[in-house]
């Protein structure tokens, strides 16, 4: 058995999926399981105390009969220390407003544009767009910045990430936790 433990919250689950995809495609393993879980904690009185939470999801990656296909992945990374927890600290620290711009907005826009360019699509080609949700306002704002409409990004959706294409139902993850909420029809078929 091969096992790996990734860190850095949001990115770790997606890196697990990409690793499993590569190992399956290479023939090293027939199936892999990527598990993303986090217990995010905010210090008492910090804004994170009200928005951080715990969650997890697991994806079995393999070939053959599947309930969903991952048609493309990409990574977008910069050295932006907007959120951190030092060894031994009980609570993470963050850069306040800096976590929004350039932290969140730069990275979500960069990743979304990279993915759209890579697959040759634009916002009008999607029924729904869902983005990482560190709070209630950021996803709606970044959707508008990218050119998605309010109808494509319903405010009542509690989904972390993904894009659902009209034709192929392809998914693009920037965070694993809670992604299963993005695929209600596929859960019914499993």
Protein backbone atom coordinates (compact mmCIF):
# COMPACT_ATOMS: atom_id res chain seq x y z
CA UNK A 1 0.00 0.00 0.00
CA UNK A 2 1.19 3.51 -0.84
CA UNK A 3 0.09 6.36 1.42
CA UNK A 4 0.82 10.08 1.54
CA UNK A 5 -0.13 12.82 3.98
CA UNK A 6 -0.47 16.29 2.50
CA UNK A 7 -0.81 19.58 4.37
CA UNK A 8 -2.07 23.10 3.66
CA UNK A 9 -5.82 22.65 4.10
CA UNK A 10 -7.60 23.58 0.88
CA UNK A 11 -4.86 22.46 -1.50
CA UNK A 12 -4.10 19.16 0.25
CA UNK A 13 -7.29 17.37 -0.81
CA UNK A 14 -6.91 18.40 -4.42
CA UNK A 15 -3.25 17.32 -4.41
CA UNK A 16 -4.43 13.93 -3.14
CA UNK A 17 -6.86 13.62 -6.05
CA UNK A 18 -4.17 14.60 -8.57
CA UNK A 19 -1.73 12.09 -7.06
CA UNK A 20 -4.30 9.28 -7.27
CA UNK A 21 -5.13 10.23 -10.86
CA UNK A 22 -1.45 10.06 -11.83
CA UNK A 23 -0.89 6.72 -10.12
CA UNK A 24 -3.99 5.18 -11.71
CA UNK A 25 -3.07 6.51 -15.16
CA UNK A 26 0.49 5.15 -14.83
CA UNK A 27 -0.84 1.70 -13.95
CA UNK A 28 0.82 1.67 -10.52
CA UNK A 29 -2.55 1.19 -8.81
CA UNK A 30 -6.03 0.23 -10.08
CA UNK A 31 -7.83 2.54 -7.63
CA UNK A 32 -6.84 5.21 -5.14
CA UNK A 33 -8.71 7.05 -2.43
CA UNK A 34 -8.16 10.74 -1.77
CA UNK A 35 -9.46 11.94 1.58
CA UNK A 36 -9.60 15.59 2.50
CA UNK A 37 -10.47 16.57 6.06
CA UNK A 38 -9.87 19.63 8.17
CA UNK A 39 -10.81 21.04 11.53
CA UNK A 40 -10.30 24.75 10.99
CA UNK A 41 -10.33 26.72 14.22
CA UNK A 42 -10.45 30.42 14.82
CA UNK A 43 -9.21 32.09 17.98
CA UNK A 44 -11.94 33.40 20.30
CA UNK A 45 -13.08 36.79 18.99
CA UNK A 46 -11.38 36.37 15.59
CA UNK A 47 -13.45 36.61 12.40
CA UNK A 48 -12.52 32.98 11.71
CA UNK A 49 -14.35 31.90 14.86
CA UNK A 50 -17.63 32.48 13.02
CA UNK A 51 -16.71 31.25 9.53
CA UNK A 52 -14.22 28.40 9.97
CA UNK A 53 -15.57 24.89 10.32
CA UNK A 54 -14.75 21.22 10.04
CA UNK A 55 -15.49 18.91 7.16
CA UNK A 56 -14.26 16.15 4.95
CA UNK A 57 -14.84 14.20 1.78
CA UNK A 58 -13.37 11.13 0.14
CA UNK A 59 -13.08 10.30 -3.55
CA UNK A 60 -12.29 6.91 -5.05
CA UNK A 61 -10.25 7.48 -8.20
CA UNK A 62 -10.10 4.78 -10.88
CA UNK A 63 -10.94 3.89 -14.45
CA UNK A 64 -13.92 2.05 -15.87
CA UNK A 65 -17.48 2.53 -14.65
CA UNK A 66 -17.52 5.85 -12.80
CA UNK A 67 -20.15 8.24 -11.48
CA UNK A 68 -18.20 11.33 -12.55
CA UNK A 69 -15.24 12.13 -14.76
CA UNK A 70 -12.46 14.56 -13.96
CA UNK A 71 -11.59 15.84 -17.41
CA UNK A 72 -8.86 18.29 -16.49
CA UNK A 73 -6.95 19.60 -13.50
CA UNK A 74 -4.54 22.45 -13.07
CA UNK A 75 -2.69 24.10 -10.23
CA UNK A 76 -2.22 27.77 -9.50
CA UNK A 77 0.18 28.64 -6.71
CA UNK A 78 2.06 31.70 -5.50
CA UNK A 79 4.04 32.51 -2.38
CA UNK A 80 1.32 34.45 -0.57
CA UNK A 81 1.51 33.90 3.20
CA UNK A 82 -2.01 35.07 4.04
CA UNK A 83 -2.89 32.27 6.45
CA UNK A 84 -0.60 30.24 8.69
CA UNK A 85 -0.26 28.29 11.91
CA UNK A 86 3.13 27.80 13.52
CA UNK A 87 4.07 24.53 15.17
CA UNK A 88 2.51 24.37 18.63
CA UNK A 89 0.02 27.22 18.10
CA UNK A 90 -3.59 26.44 18.97
CA UNK A 91 -5.09 28.78 16.40
CA UNK A 92 -4.09 29.90 12.92
CA UNK A 93 -3.24 33.52 12.14
CA UNK A 94 -4.14 35.44 9.03
CA UNK A 95 -3.44 38.68 7.25
CA UNK A 96 -6.90 40.20 7.80
CA UNK A 97 -8.08 42.03 4.69
CA UNK A 98 -4.94 40.82 2.89
CA UNK A 99 -6.52 37.35 2.79
CA UNK A 100 -9.13 38.75 0.39
CA UNK A 101 -7.02 40.83 -1.95
CA UNK A 102 -4.55 39.67 -3.11
CA UNK A 103 -4.95 36.33 -1.28
CA UNK A 104 -8.35 34.89 -2.23
CA UNK A 105 -9.26 36.94 -5.29
CA UNK A 106 -5.88 36.70 -7.01
CA UNK A 107 -5.76 32.93 -6.59
CA UNK A 108 -9.36 32.03 -7.40
CA UNK A 109 -9.35 34.27 -10.48
CA UNK A 110 -5.95 32.95 -11.55
CA UNK A 111 -6.98 29.31 -11.14
CA UNK A 112 -10.34 29.81 -12.86
CA UNK A 113 -8.82 31.66 -15.82
CA UNK A 114 -6.08 29.05 -16.16
CA UNK A 115 -8.70 26.28 -16.22
CA UNK A 116 -11.03 28.09 -18.62
CA UNK A 117 -8.14 28.81 -21.00
CA UNK A 118 -6.84 25.24 -20.78
CA UNK A 119 -10.19 23.70 -21.75
CA UNK A 120 -11.20 26.47 -24.16
CA UNK A 121 -14.39 27.56 -22.42
CA UNK A 122 -15.85 30.76 -20.98
CA UNK A 123 -18.32 31.47 -18.16
CA UNK A 124 -21.29 31.29 -20.57
CA UNK A 125 -20.50 27.60 -21.20
CA UNK A 126 -21.43 26.61 -17.64
CA UNK A 127 -24.74 26.11 -15.86
CA UNK A 128 -23.25 26.64 -12.42
CA UNK A 129 -20.01 27.93 -11.00
CA UNK A 130 -19.06 27.32 -7.40
CA UNK A 131 -15.93 28.53 -5.70
CA UNK A 132 -14.08 28.09 -2.43
CA UNK A 133 -16.23 29.67 0.31
CA UNK A 134 -14.19 31.09 3.18
CA UNK A 135 -17.15 33.39 3.89
CA UNK A 136 -20.50 34.28 2.33
CA UNK A 137 -19.36 37.28 0.24
CA UNK A 138 -16.11 36.25 -1.48
CA UNK A 139 -17.57 33.58 -3.83
CA UNK A 140 -20.28 35.88 -5.19
CA UNK A 141 -17.81 38.72 -5.71
CA UNK A 142 -15.21 36.59 -7.50
CA UNK A 143 -17.92 35.01 -9.69
CA UNK A 144 -18.97 38.46 -10.87
CA UNK A 145 -15.33 39.47 -11.46
CA UNK A 146 -14.89 36.38 -13.67
CA UNK A 147 -18.07 37.03 -15.67
CA UNK A 148 -20.47 34.51 -14.13
CA UNK A 149 -24.08 35.58 -13.57
CA UNK A 150 -26.12 35.48 -10.38
CA UNK A 151 -28.17 32.63 -11.89
CA UNK A 152 -24.98 30.58 -12.29
CA UNK A 153 -23.95 31.20 -8.68
CA UNK A 154 -26.98 30.85 -6.39
CA UNK A 155 -26.22 32.34 -3.00
CA UNK A 156 -27.93 29.50 -1.14
CA UNK A 157 -25.46 26.89 -2.39
CA UNK A 158 -23.04 25.75 0.30
CA UNK A 159 -20.45 24.32 -2.02
CA UNK A 160 -16.70 24.65 -1.81
CA UNK A 161 -15.66 24.48 -5.46
CA UNK A 162 -16.11 23.16 -8.93
CA UNK A 163 -17.47 23.99 -12.32
CA UNK A 164 -20.33 22.04 -13.88
CA UNK A 165 -20.28 22.11 -17.66
CA UNK A 166 -23.57 21.93 -19.58
CA UNK A 167 -22.52 19.02 -21.75
CA UNK A 168 -19.86 16.96 -20.03
CA UNK A 169 -20.47 17.67 -16.35
CA UNK A 170 -16.74 18.08 -15.86
CA UNK A 171 -15.53 19.18 -12.47
CA UNK A 172 -12.61 21.39 -11.52
CA UNK A 173 -11.57 21.40 -7.89
CA UNK A 174 -9.68 24.05 -6.02
CA UNK A 175 -10.67 22.55 -2.69
CA UNK A 176 -11.84 19.04 -1.82
CA UNK A 177 -13.83 19.55 1.35
CA UNK A 178 -17.60 19.56 0.65
CA UNK A 179 -17.19 19.08 -3.09
CA UNK A 180 -19.66 16.19 -2.97
CA UNK A 181 -22.45 18.75 -2.49
CA UNK A 182 -21.68 19.89 -6.04
CA UNK A 183 -22.75 16.52 -7.46
CA UNK A 184 -26.20 15.60 -6.10
CA UNK A 185 -27.22 13.60 -9.19
CA UNK A 186 -24.06 11.52 -9.20
CA UNK A 187 -24.55 10.56 -5.54
CA UNK A 188 -27.98 9.16 -6.42
CA UNK A 189 -26.44 6.93 -9.12
CA UNK A 190 -23.71 5.54 -6.88
